[in-house]
Amino acid sequence: MDPGGASANPGSRMPDVEMRAVIRQKLVESGEMDRIQAYVNAMLEDSGWRDQLKAHCRDVVQRKGIQNIGVESLSADILPWARDSVPPEVKQEVLRRIQDFLKSSKG
């Protein structure tokens, strides 16, 4: 997907950024977003991902030094790692749930 908002699908009528906003709004309004978030939280906890994230945070702080790191700097270091380390099966299940939601709400 193009970060500038242009749709990757030339036949699409709405830029990707707008489409994501509409989908997110529908997920929130229906309560599906809360169910997906609860699923993700449970799966990340069960997989040990949260413990790995905490350990990674500690490593970053030790490497840079507590006096040399702020919240923004820590976030910049942690976010890419955190996103990349989410188990693929969790990402796939979230995508499946969103797709199922969109299919069921089309009618």
PDB file of N, CA and C in Angstrom:
ATOM      1  N   MET A   1       0.839  -1.187   0.000  1.00  0.00           N
ATOM      2  CA  MET A   1       0.000   0.000   0.000  1.00  0.00           C
ATOM      3  C   MET A   1       0.874   1.237   0.000  1.00  0.00           C
ATOM      4  N   ASP A   2       0.446   2.198  -0.719  1.00  0.00           N
ATOM      5  CA  ASP A   2       1.195   3.428  -0.851  1.00  0.00           C
ATOM      6  C   ASP A   2       0.969   4.329   0.348  1.00  0.00           C
ATOM      7  N   PRO A   3       2.059   4.712   1.064  1.00  0.00           N
ATOM      8  CA  PRO A   3       1.887   5.548   2.253  1.00  0.00           C
ATOM      9  C   PRO A   3       1.322   6.917   1.935  1.00  0.00           C
ATOM     10  N   GLY A   4       1.424   7.352   0.688  1.00  0.00           N
ATOM     11  CA  GLY A   4       0.904   8.656   0.319  1.00  0.00           C
ATOM     12  C   GLY A   4      -0.602   8.680   0.185  1.00  0.00           C
ATOM     13  N   GLY A   5      -1.236   7.522   0.269  1.00  0.00           N
ATOM     14  CA  GLY A   5      -2.682   7.483   0.237  1.00  0.00           C
ATOM     15  C   GLY A   5      -3.253   7.089  -1.113  1.00  0.00           C
ATOM     16  N   ALA A   6      -2.424   7.004  -2.144  1.00  0.00           N
ATOM     17  CA  ALA A   6      -2.935   6.576  -3.433  1.00  0.00           C
ATOM     18  C   ALA A   6      -3.236   5.088  -3.352  1.00  0.00           C
ATOM     19  N   SER A   7      -4.302   4.698  -3.952  1.00  0.00           N
ATOM     20  CA  SER A   7      -4.730   3.317  -3.871  1.00  0.00           C
ATOM     21  C   SER A   7      -3.836   2.425  -4.706  1.00  0.00           C
ATOM     22  N   ALA A   8      -3.515   1.264  -4.162  1.00  0.00           N
ATOM     23  CA  ALA A   8      -2.757   0.276  -4.892  1.00  0.00           C
ATOM     24  C   ALA A   8      -3.642  -0.392  -5.935  1.00  0.00           C
ATOM     25  N   ASN A   9      -4.941  -0.250  -5.786  1.00  0.00           N
ATOM     26  CA  ASN A   9      -5.905  -0.824  -6.700  1.00  0.00           C
ATOM     27  C   ASN A   9      -6.417   0.286  -7.612  1.00  0.00           C
ATOM     28  N   PRO A  10      -5.998   0.286  -8.898  1.00  0.00           N
ATOM     29  CA  PRO A  10      -6.395   1.381  -9.784  1.00  0.00           C
ATOM     30  C   PRO A  10      -7.903   1.495  -9.972  1.00  0.00           C
ATOM     31  N   GLY A  11      -8.661   0.410  -9.779  1.00  0.00           N
ATOM     32  CA  GLY A  11     -10.105   0.457  -9.936  1.00  0.00           C
ATOM     33  C   GLY A  11     -10.811   0.976  -8.703  1.00  0.00           C
ATOM     34  N   SER A  12     -10.078   1.201  -7.639  1.00  0.00           N
ATOM     35  CA  SER A  12     -10.659   1.655  -6.377  1.00  0.00           C
ATOM     36  C   SER A  12     -11.104   3.101  -6.495  1.00  0.00           C
ATOM     37  N   ARG A  13     -12.207   3.415  -5.835  1.00  0.00           N
ATOM     38  CA  ARG A  13     -12.728   4.783  -5.866  1.00  0.00           C
ATOM     39  C   ARG A  13     -12.210   5.626  -4.706  1.00  0.00           C
ATOM     40  N   MET A  14     -11.641   4.987  -3.712  1.00  0.00           N
ATOM     41  CA  MET A  14     -11.250   5.679  -2.494  1.00  0.00           C
ATOM     42  C   MET A  14      -9.777   5.400  -2.191  1.00  0.00           C
ATOM     43  N   PRO A  15      -8.985   6.431  -1.867  1.00  0.00           N
ATOM     44  CA  PRO A  15      -7.592   6.186  -1.494  1.00  0.00           C
ATOM     45  C   PRO A  15      -7.504   5.259  -0.281  1.00  0.00           C
ATOM     46  N   ASP A  16      -6.393   4.527  -0.191  1.00  0.00           N
ATOM     47  CA  ASP A  16      -6.199   3.555   0.879  1.00  0.00           C
ATOM     48  C   ASP A  16      -6.364   4.158   2.273  1.00  0.00           C
ATOM     49  N   VAL A  17      -5.858   5.356   2.469  1.00  0.00           N
ATOM     50  CA  VAL A  17      -5.939   5.984   3.789  1.00  0.00           C
ATOM     51  C   VAL A  17      -7.396   6.195   4.185  1.00  0.00           C
ATOM     52  N   GLU A  18      -8.192   6.675   3.252  1.00  0.00           N
ATOM     53  CA  GLU A  18      -9.617   6.893   3.535  1.00  0.00           C
ATOM     54  C   GLU A  18     -10.339   5.572   3.766  1.00  0.00           C
ATOM     55  N   MET A  19      -9.994   4.570   2.949  1.00  0.00           N
ATOM     56  CA  MET A  19     -10.643   3.270   3.082  1.00  0.00           C
ATOM     57  C   MET A  19     -10.331   2.654   4.445  1.00  0.00           C
ATOM     58  N   ARG A  20      -9.079   2.747   4.865  1.00  0.00           N
ATOM     59  CA  ARG A  20      -8.699   2.220   6.190  1.00  0.00           C
ATOM     60  C   ARG A  20      -9.462   2.941   7.295  1.00  0.00           C
ATOM     61  N   ALA A  21      -9.650   4.245   7.148  1.00  0.00           N
ATOM     62  CA  ALA A  21     -10.392   5.013   8.156  1.00  0.00           C
ATOM     63  C   ALA A  21     -11.847   4.563   8.230  1.00  0.00           C
ATOM     64  N   VAL A  22     -12.454   4.309   7.078  1.00  0.00           N
ATOM     65  CA  VAL A  22     -13.846   3.858   7.038  1.00  0.00           C
ATOM     66  C   VAL A  22     -13.965   2.466   7.670  1.00  0.00           C
ATOM     67  N   ILE A  23     -13.039   1.575   7.301  1.00  0.00           N
ATOM     68  CA  ILE A  23     -13.057   0.220   7.866  1.00  0.00           C
ATOM     69  C   ILE A  23     -12.877   0.276   9.373  1.00  0.00           C
ATOM     70  N   ARG A  24     -11.923   1.076   9.821  1.00  0.00           N
ATOM     71  CA  ARG A  24     -11.682   1.205  11.266  1.00  0.00           C
ATOM     72  C   ARG A  24     -12.936   1.707  11.981  1.00  0.00           C
ATOM     73  N   GLN A  25     -13.594   2.698  11.402  1.00  0.00           N
ATOM     74  CA  GLN A  25     -14.805   3.245  12.013  1.00  0.00           C
ATOM     75  C   GLN A  25     -15.884   2.171  12.127  1.00  0.00           C
ATOM     76  N   LYS A  26     -16.050   1.382  11.075  1.00  0.00           N
ATOM     77  CA  LYS A  26     -17.054   0.315  11.105  1.00  0.00           C
ATOM     78  C   LYS A  26     -16.697  -0.745  12.145  1.00  0.00           C
ATOM     79  N   LEU A  27     -15.409  -1.070  12.247  1.00  0.00           N
ATOM     80  CA  LEU A  27     -14.971  -2.048  13.255  1.00  0.00           C
ATOM     81  C   LEU A  27     -15.261  -1.537  14.666  1.00  0.00           C
ATOM     82  N   VAL A  28     -14.982  -0.262  14.898  1.00  0.00           N
ATOM     83  CA  VAL A  28     -15.208   0.330  16.223  1.00  0.00           C
ATOM     84  C   VAL A  28     -16.697   0.371  16.533  1.00  0.00           C
ATOM     85  N   GLU A  29     -17.491   0.878  15.599  1.00  0.00           N
ATOM     86  CA  GLU A  29     -18.930   1.024  15.827  1.00  0.00           C
ATOM     87  C   GLU A  29     -19.620  -0.313  16.092  1.00  0.00           C
ATOM     88  N   SER A  30     -19.137  -1.365  15.463  1.00  0.00           N
ATOM     89  CA  SER A  30     -19.762  -2.680  15.613  1.00  0.00           C
ATOM     90  C   SER A  30     -19.298  -3.421  16.860  1.00  0.00           C
ATOM     91  N   GLY A  31     -18.211  -2.944  17.458  1.00  0.00           N
ATOM     92  CA  GLY A  31     -17.637  -3.652  18.598  1.00  0.00           C
ATOM     93  C   GLY A  31     -16.628  -4.712  18.188  1.00  0.00           C
ATOM     94  N   GLU A  32     -16.458  -4.921  16.886  1.00  0.00           N
ATOM     95  CA  GLU A  32     -15.515  -5.932  16.398  1.00  0.00           C
ATOM     96  C   GLU A  32     -14.078  -5.549  16.730  1.00  0.00           C
ATOM     97  N   MET A  33     -13.771  -4.253  16.735  1.00  0.00           N
ATOM     98  CA  MET A  33     -12.416  -3.805  17.066  1.00  0.00           C
ATOM     99  C   MET A  33     -12.045  -4.253  18.480  1.00  0.00           C
ATOM    100  N   ASP A  34     -12.971  -4.124  19.421  1.00  0.00           N
ATOM    101  CA  ASP A  34     -12.707  -4.560  20.799  1.00  0.00           C
ATOM    102  C   ASP A  34     -12.448  -6.064  20.854  1.00  0.00           C
ATOM    103  N   ARG A  35     -13.222  -6.835  20.090  1.00  0.00           N
ATOM    104  CA  ARG A  35     -13.038  -8.292  20.080  1.00  0.00           C
ATOM    105  C   ARG A  35     -11.686  -8.659  19.467  1.00  0.00           C
ATOM    106  N   ILE A  36     -11.302  -7.970  18.406  1.00  0.00           N
ATOM    107  CA  ILE A  36     -10.009  -8.240  17.771  1.00  0.00           C
ATOM    108  C   ILE A  36      -8.872  -7.861  18.722  1.00  0.00           C
ATOM    109  N   GLN A  37      -8.997  -6.719  19.377  1.00  0.00           N
ATOM    110  CA  GLN A  37      -7.955  -6.296  20.317  1.00  0.00           C
ATOM    111  C   GLN A  37      -7.827  -7.264  21.480  1.00  0.00           C
ATOM    112  N   ALA A  38      -8.940  -7.769  21.973  1.00  0.00           N
ATOM    113  CA  ALA A  38      -8.894  -8.750  23.059  1.00  0.00           C
ATOM    114  C   ALA A  38      -8.191 -10.025  22.592  1.00  0.00           C
ATOM    115  N   TYR A  39      -8.485 -10.454  21.371  1.00  0.00           N
ATOM    116  CA  TYR A  39      -7.823 -11.633  20.805  1.00  0.00           C
ATOM    117  C   TYR A  39      -6.315 -11.401  20.714  1.00  0.00           C
ATOM    118  N   VAL A  40      -5.920 -10.263  20.150  1.00  0.00           N
ATOM    119  CA  VAL A  40      -4.494  -9.956  19.985  1.00  0.00           C
ATOM    120  C   VAL A  40      -3.801  -9.916  21.342  1.00  0.00           C
ATOM    121  N   ASN A  41      -4.404  -9.231  22.306  1.00  0.00           N
ATOM    122  CA  ASN A  41      -3.792  -9.156  23.639  1.00  0.00           C
ATOM    123  C   ASN A  41      -3.582 -10.538  24.237  1.00  0.00           C
ATOM    124  N   ALA A  42      -4.586 -11.400  24.126  1.00  0.00           N
ATOM    125  CA  ALA A  42      -4.480 -12.748  24.681  1.00  0.00           C
ATOM    126  C   ALA A  42      -3.402 -13.557  23.965  1.00  0.00           C
ATOM    127  N   MET A  43      -3.368 -13.464  22.647  1.00  0.00           N
ATOM    128  CA  MET A  43      -2.394 -14.236  21.881  1.00  0.00           C
ATOM    129  C   MET A  43      -0.966 -13.756  22.131  1.00  0.00           C
ATOM    130  N   LEU A  44      -0.777 -12.447  22.238  1.00  0.00           N
ATOM    131  CA  LEU A  44       0.561 -11.925  22.501  1.00  0.00           C
ATOM    132  C   LEU A  44       1.035 -12.323  23.891  1.00  0.00           C
ATOM    133  N   GLU A  45       0.122 -12.324  24.837  1.00  0.00           N
ATOM    134  CA  GLU A  45       0.460 -12.751  26.198  1.00  0.00           C
ATOM    135  C   GLU A  45       0.826 -14.231  26.203  1.00  0.00           C
ATOM    136  N   ASP A  46      -0.013 -15.048  25.566  1.00  0.00           N
ATOM    137  CA  ASP A  46       0.212 -16.504  25.541  1.00  0.00           C
ATOM    138  C   ASP A  46       1.499 -16.888  24.817  1.00  0.00           C
ATOM    139  N   SER A  47       1.859 -16.115  23.791  1.00  0.00           N
ATOM    140  CA  SER A  47       3.043 -16.454  22.993  1.00  0.00           C
ATOM    141  C   SER A  47       4.348 -16.017  23.651  1.00  0.00           C
ATOM    142  N   GLY A  48       4.255 -15.224  24.713  1.00  0.00           N
ATOM    143  CA  GLY A  48       5.465 -14.715  25.352  1.00  0.00           C
ATOM    144  C   GLY A  48       5.988 -13.440  24.713  1.00  0.00           C
ATOM    145  N   TRP A  49       5.240 -12.908  23.760  1.00  0.00           N
ATOM    146  CA  TRP A  49       5.675 -11.708  23.050  1.00  0.00           C
ATOM    147  C   TRP A  49       5.874 -10.525  23.995  1.00  0.00           C
ATOM    148  N   ARG A  50       4.970 -10.357  24.948  1.00  0.00           N
ATOM    149  CA  ARG A  50       5.088  -9.228  25.887  1.00  0.00           C
ATOM    150  C   ARG A  50       6.368  -9.312  26.711  1.00  0.00           C
ATOM    151  N   ASP A  51       6.703 -10.510  27.155  1.00  0.00           N
ATOM    152  CA  ASP A  51       7.946 -10.685  27.911  1.00  0.00           C
ATOM    153  C   ASP A  51       9.160 -10.384  27.033  1.00  0.00           C
ATOM    154  N   GLN A  52       9.102 -10.808  25.769  1.00  0.00           N
ATOM    155  CA  GLN A  52      10.193 -10.513  24.842  1.00  0.00           C
ATOM    156  C   GLN A  52      10.310  -9.012  24.609  1.00  0.00           C
ATOM    157  N   LEU A  53       9.167  -8.337  24.517  1.00  0.00           N
ATOM    158  CA  LEU A  53       9.166  -6.885  24.323  1.00  0.00           C
ATOM    159  C   LEU A  53       9.794  -6.178  25.521  1.00  0.00           C
ATOM    160  N   LYS A  54       9.415  -6.605  26.710  1.00  0.00           N
ATOM    161  CA  LYS A  54      10.009  -6.010  27.917  1.00  0.00           C
ATOM    162  C   LYS A  54      11.516  -6.206  27.941  1.00  0.00           C
ATOM    163  N   ALA A  55      11.956  -7.404  27.594  1.00  0.00           N
ATOM    164  CA  ALA A  55      13.392  -7.695  27.581  1.00  0.00           C
ATOM    165  C   ALA A  55      14.102  -6.830  26.532  1.00  0.00           C
ATOM    166  N   HIS A  56      13.470  -6.674  25.399  1.00  0.00           N
ATOM    167  CA  HIS A  56      14.062  -5.848  24.341  1.00  0.00           C
ATOM    168  C   HIS A  56      14.162  -4.393  24.800  1.00  0.00           C
ATOM    169  N   CYS A  57      13.140  -3.897  25.475  1.00  0.00           N
ATOM    170  CA  CYS A  57      13.174  -2.532  26.022  1.00  0.00           C
ATOM    171  C   CYS A  57      14.335  -2.369  27.000  1.00  0.00           C
ATOM    172  N   ARG A  58      14.475  -3.337  27.883  1.00  0.00           N
ATOM    173  CA  ARG A  58      15.585  -3.283  28.848  1.00  0.00           C
ATOM    174  C   ARG A  58      16.934  -3.259  28.129  1.00  0.00           C
ATOM    175  N   ASP A  59      17.074  -4.072  27.083  1.00  0.00           N
ATOM    176  CA  ASP A  59      18.325  -4.114  26.323  1.00  0.00           C
ATOM    177  C   ASP A  59      18.626  -2.763  25.673  1.00  0.00           C
ATOM    178  N   VAL A  60      17.611  -2.153  25.097  1.00  0.00           N
ATOM    179  CA  VAL A  60      17.796  -0.854  24.443  1.00  0.00           C
ATOM    180  C   VAL A  60      18.211   0.189  25.472  1.00  0.00           C
ATOM    181  N   VAL A  61      17.544   0.205  26.611  1.00  0.00           N
ATOM    182  CA  VAL A  61      17.865   1.181  27.659  1.00  0.00           C
ATOM    183  C   VAL A  61      19.286   0.946  28.176  1.00  0.00           C
ATOM    184  N   GLN A  62      19.674  -0.299  28.380  1.00  0.00           N
ATOM    185  CA  GLN A  62      21.033  -0.595  28.846  1.00  0.00           C
ATOM    186  C   GLN A  62      22.078  -0.182  27.808  1.00  0.00           C
ATOM    187  N   ARG A  63      21.784  -0.454  26.539  1.00  0.00           N
ATOM    188  CA  ARG A  63      22.730  -0.141  25.475  1.00  0.00           C
ATOM    189  C   ARG A  63      22.916   1.372  25.329  1.00  0.00           C
ATOM    190  N   LYS A  64      21.833   2.137  25.394  1.00  0.00           N
ATOM    191  CA  LYS A  64      21.900   3.586  25.191  1.00  0.00           C
ATOM    192  C   LYS A  64      22.180   4.345  26.479  1.00  0.00           C
ATOM    193  N   GLY A  65      21.821   3.741  27.602  1.00  0.00           N
ATOM    194  CA  GLY A  65      21.978   4.419  28.883  1.00  0.00           C
ATOM    195  C   GLY A  65      20.713   5.151  29.254  1.00  0.00           C
ATOM    196  N   ILE A  66      20.293   4.989  30.483  1.00  0.00           N
ATOM    197  CA  ILE A  66      19.029   5.557  30.961  1.00  0.00           C
ATOM    198  C   ILE A  66      19.004   7.082  30.814  1.00  0.00           C
ATOM    199  N   GLN A  67      20.163   7.723  30.944  1.00  0.00           N
ATOM    200  CA  GLN A  67      20.231   9.182  30.850  1.00  0.00           C
ATOM    201  C   GLN A  67      20.151   9.674  29.407  1.00  0.00           C
ATOM    202  N   ASN A  68      20.378   8.771  28.464  1.00  0.00           N
ATOM    203  CA  ASN A  68      20.458   9.168  27.053  1.00  0.00           C
ATOM    204  C   ASN A  68      19.252   8.751  26.227  1.00  0.00           C
ATOM    205  N   ILE A  69      18.215   8.326  26.894  1.00  0.00           N
ATOM    206  CA  ILE A  69      17.060   7.842  26.131  1.00  0.00           C
ATOM    207  C   ILE A  69      15.781   8.441  26.705  1.00  0.00           C
ATOM    208  N   GLY A  70      14.912   8.849  25.806  1.00  0.00           N
ATOM    209  CA  GLY A  70      13.603   9.363  26.204  1.00  0.00           C
ATOM    210  C   GLY A  70      12.522   8.477  25.622  1.00  0.00           C
ATOM    211  N   VAL A  71      11.296   8.829  25.898  1.00  0.00           N
ATOM    212  CA  VAL A  71      10.170   8.031  25.423  1.00  0.00           C
ATOM    213  C   VAL A  71      10.154   7.975  23.897  1.00  0.00           C
ATOM    214  N   GLU A  72      10.351   9.111  23.239  1.00  0.00           N
ATOM    215  CA  GLU A  72      10.313   9.129  21.771  1.00  0.00           C
ATOM    216  C   GLU A  72      11.428   8.282  21.175  1.00  0.00           C
ATOM    217  N   SER A  73      12.610   8.383  21.732  1.00  0.00           N
ATOM    218  CA  SER A  73      13.743   7.610  21.243  1.00  0.00           C
ATOM    219  C   SER A  73      13.520   6.114  21.472  1.00  0.00           C
ATOM    220  N   LEU A  74      13.025   5.772  22.639  1.00  0.00           N
ATOM    221  CA  LEU A  74      12.749   4.362  22.949  1.00  0.00           C
ATOM    222  C   LEU A  74      11.672   3.826  22.013  1.00  0.00           C
ATOM    223  N   SER A  75      10.632   4.613  21.798  1.00  0.00           N
ATOM    224  CA  SER A  75       9.567   4.199  20.888  1.00  0.00           C
ATOM    225  C   SER A  75      10.091   3.991  19.478  1.00  0.00           C
ATOM    226  N   ALA A  76      10.941   4.886  19.018  1.00  0.00           N
ATOM    227  CA  ALA A  76      11.506   4.767  17.666  1.00  0.00           C
ATOM    228  C   ALA A  76      12.322   3.482  17.521  1.00  0.00           C
ATOM    229  N   ASP A  77      13.002   3.082  18.586  1.00  0.00           N
ATOM    230  CA  ASP A  77      13.792   1.848  18.550  1.00  0.00           C
ATOM    231  C   ASP A  77      12.918   0.609  18.697  1.00  0.00           C
ATOM    232  N   ILE A  78      11.893   0.697  19.495  1.00  0.00           N
ATOM    233  CA  ILE A  78      11.099  -0.473  19.849  1.00  0.00           C
ATOM    234  C   ILE A  78      10.018  -0.800  18.815  1.00  0.00           C
ATOM    235  N   LEU A  79       9.331   0.202  18.281  1.00  0.00           N
ATOM    236  CA  LEU A  79       8.184  -0.056  17.407  1.00  0.00           C
ATOM    237  C   LEU A  79       8.486  -0.956  16.208  1.00  0.00           C
ATOM    238  N   PRO A  80       9.552  -0.702  15.452  1.00  0.00           N
ATOM    239  CA  PRO A  80       9.808  -1.606  14.319  1.00  0.00           C
ATOM    240  C   PRO A  80      10.037  -3.050  14.780  1.00  0.00           C
ATOM    241  N   TRP A  81      10.795  -3.218  15.849  1.00  0.00           N
ATOM    242  CA  TRP A  81      11.037  -4.560  16.373  1.00  0.00           C
ATOM    243  C   TRP A  81       9.731  -5.205  16.835  1.00  0.00           C
ATOM    244  N   ALA A  82       8.920  -4.431  17.540  1.00  0.00           N
ATOM    245  CA  ALA A  82       7.664  -4.962  18.071  1.00  0.00           C
ATOM    246  C   ALA A  82       6.746  -5.415  16.938  1.00  0.00           C
ATOM    247  N   ARG A  83       6.620  -4.609  15.917  1.00  0.00           N
ATOM    248  CA  ARG A  83       5.758  -4.976  14.777  1.00  0.00           C
ATOM    249  C   ARG A  83       6.273  -6.223  14.069  1.00  0.00           C
ATOM    250  N   ASP A  84       7.576  -6.266  13.844  1.00  0.00           N
ATOM    251  CA  ASP A  84       8.173  -7.401  13.134  1.00  0.00           C
ATOM    252  C   ASP A  84       8.118  -8.694  13.929  1.00  0.00           C
ATOM    253  N   SER A  85       8.073  -8.595  15.243  1.00  0.00           N
ATOM    254  CA  SER A  85       8.142  -9.800  16.074  1.00  0.00           C
ATOM    255  C   SER A  85       6.772 -10.375  16.452  1.00  0.00           C
ATOM    256  N   VAL A  86       5.686  -9.722  16.040  1.00  0.00           N
ATOM    257  CA  VAL A  86       4.352 -10.297  16.281  1.00  0.00           C
ATOM    258  C   VAL A  86       4.286 -11.610  15.500  1.00  0.00           C
ATOM    259  N   PRO A  87       3.880 -12.690  16.157  1.00  0.00           N
ATOM    260  CA  PRO A  87       3.823 -13.979  15.468  1.00  0.00           C
ATOM    261  C   PRO A  87       2.963 -13.909  14.202  1.00  0.00           C
ATOM    262  N   PRO A  88       3.442 -14.503  13.113  1.00  0.00           N
ATOM    263  CA  PRO A  88       2.703 -14.453  11.845  1.00  0.00           C
ATOM    264  C   PRO A  88       1.277 -14.979  11.963  1.00  0.00           C
ATOM    265  N   GLU A  89       1.073 -15.998  12.793  1.00  0.00           N
ATOM    266  CA  GLU A  89      -0.282 -16.544  12.914  1.00  0.00           C
ATOM    267  C   GLU A  89      -1.242 -15.532  13.545  1.00  0.00           C
ATOM    268  N   VAL A  90      -0.736 -14.654  14.387  1.00  0.00           N
ATOM    269  CA  VAL A  90      -1.584 -13.609  14.980  1.00  0.00           C
ATOM    270  C   VAL A  90      -1.966 -12.600  13.897  1.00  0.00           C
ATOM    271  N   LYS A  91      -0.986 -12.181  13.109  1.00  0.00           N
ATOM    272  CA  LYS A  91      -1.262 -11.238  12.018  1.00  0.00           C
ATOM    273  C   LYS A  91      -2.264 -11.836  11.035  1.00  0.00           C
ATOM    274  N   GLN A  92      -2.077 -13.104  10.689  1.00  0.00           N
ATOM    275  CA  GLN A  92      -2.973 -13.763   9.732  1.00  0.00           C
ATOM    276  C   GLN A  92      -4.390 -13.863  10.285  1.00  0.00           C
ATOM    277  N   GLU A  93      -4.515 -14.188  11.562  1.00  0.00           N
ATOM    278  CA  GLU A  93      -5.846 -14.316  12.157  1.00  0.00           C
ATOM    279  C   GLU A  93      -6.548 -12.967  12.228  1.00  0.00           C
ATOM    280  N   VAL A  94      -5.816 -11.906  12.534  1.00  0.00           N
ATOM    281  CA  VAL A  94      -6.417 -10.568  12.562  1.00  0.00           C
ATOM    282  C   VAL A  94      -6.909 -10.203  11.159  1.00  0.00           C
ATOM    283  N   LEU A  95      -6.091 -10.447  10.168  1.00  0.00           N
ATOM    284  CA  LEU A  95      -6.492 -10.167   8.793  1.00  0.00           C
ATOM    285  C   LEU A  95      -7.728 -10.977   8.419  1.00  0.00           C
ATOM    286  N   ARG A  96      -7.761 -12.261   8.777  1.00  0.00           N
ATOM    287  CA  ARG A  96      -8.913 -13.103   8.479  1.00  0.00           C
ATOM    288  C   ARG A  96     -10.169 -12.561   9.146  1.00  0.00           C
ATOM    289  N   ARG A  97     -10.056 -12.141  10.404  1.00  0.00           N
ATOM    290  CA  ARG A  97     -11.216 -11.615  11.125  1.00  0.00           C
ATOM    291  C   ARG A  97     -11.737 -10.325  10.495  1.00  0.00           C
ATOM    292  N   ILE A  98     -10.825  -9.479  10.052  1.00  0.00           N
ATOM    293  CA  ILE A  98     -11.246  -8.240   9.393  1.00  0.00           C
ATOM    294  C   ILE A  98     -11.917  -8.558   8.062  1.00  0.00           C
ATOM    295  N   GLN A  99     -11.331  -9.469   7.298  1.00  0.00           N
ATOM    296  CA  GLN A  99     -11.935  -9.856   6.024  1.00  0.00           C
ATOM    297  C   GLN A  99     -13.323 -10.457   6.231  1.00  0.00           C
ATOM    298  N   ASP A 100     -13.459 -11.337   7.222  1.00  0.00           N
ATOM    299  CA  ASP A 100     -14.760 -11.937   7.510  1.00  0.00           C
ATOM    300  C   ASP A 100     -15.770 -10.862   7.903  1.00  0.00           C
ATOM    301  N   PHE A 101     -15.335  -9.908   8.708  1.00  0.00           N
ATOM    302  CA  PHE A 101     -16.211  -8.815   9.111  1.00  0.00           C
ATOM    303  C   PHE A 101     -16.686  -8.031   7.898  1.00  0.00           C
ATOM    304  N   LEU A 102     -15.747  -7.709   6.999  1.00  0.00           N
ATOM    305  CA  LEU A 102     -16.102  -6.930   5.816  1.00  0.00           C
ATOM    306  C   LEU A 102     -17.051  -7.703   4.905  1.00  0.00           C
ATOM    307  N   LYS A 103     -16.813  -8.992   4.761  1.00  0.00           N
ATOM    308  CA  LYS A 103     -17.711  -9.822   3.939  1.00  0.00           C
ATOM    309  C   LYS A 103     -19.114  -9.860   4.538  1.00  0.00           C
ATOM    310  N   SER A 104     -19.194 -10.011   5.852  1.00  0.00           N
ATOM    311  CA  SER A 104     -20.511 -10.117   6.501  1.00  0.00           C
ATOM    312  C   SER A 104     -21.240  -8.774   6.559  1.00  0.00           C
ATOM    313  N   SER A 105     -20.505  -7.671   6.490  1.00  0.00           N
ATOM    314  CA  SER A 105     -21.165  -6.369   6.582  1.00  0.00           C
ATOM    315  C   SER A 105     -21.499  -5.791   5.206  1.00  0.00           C
ATOM    316  N   LYS A 106     -21.099  -6.482   4.150  1.00  0.00           N
ATOM    317  CA  LYS A 106     -21.398  -6.000   2.789  1.00  0.00           C
ATOM    318  C   LYS A 106     -22.889  -6.075   2.465  1.00  0.00           C
ATOM    319  N   GLY A 107     -23.517  -7.100   2.981  1.00  0.00           N
ATOM    320  CA  GLY A 107     -24.914  -7.350   2.629  1.00  0.00           C
ATOM    321  C   GLY A 107     -25.868  -6.450   3.224  1.00  0.00           C
TER     322      GLY A 107
END
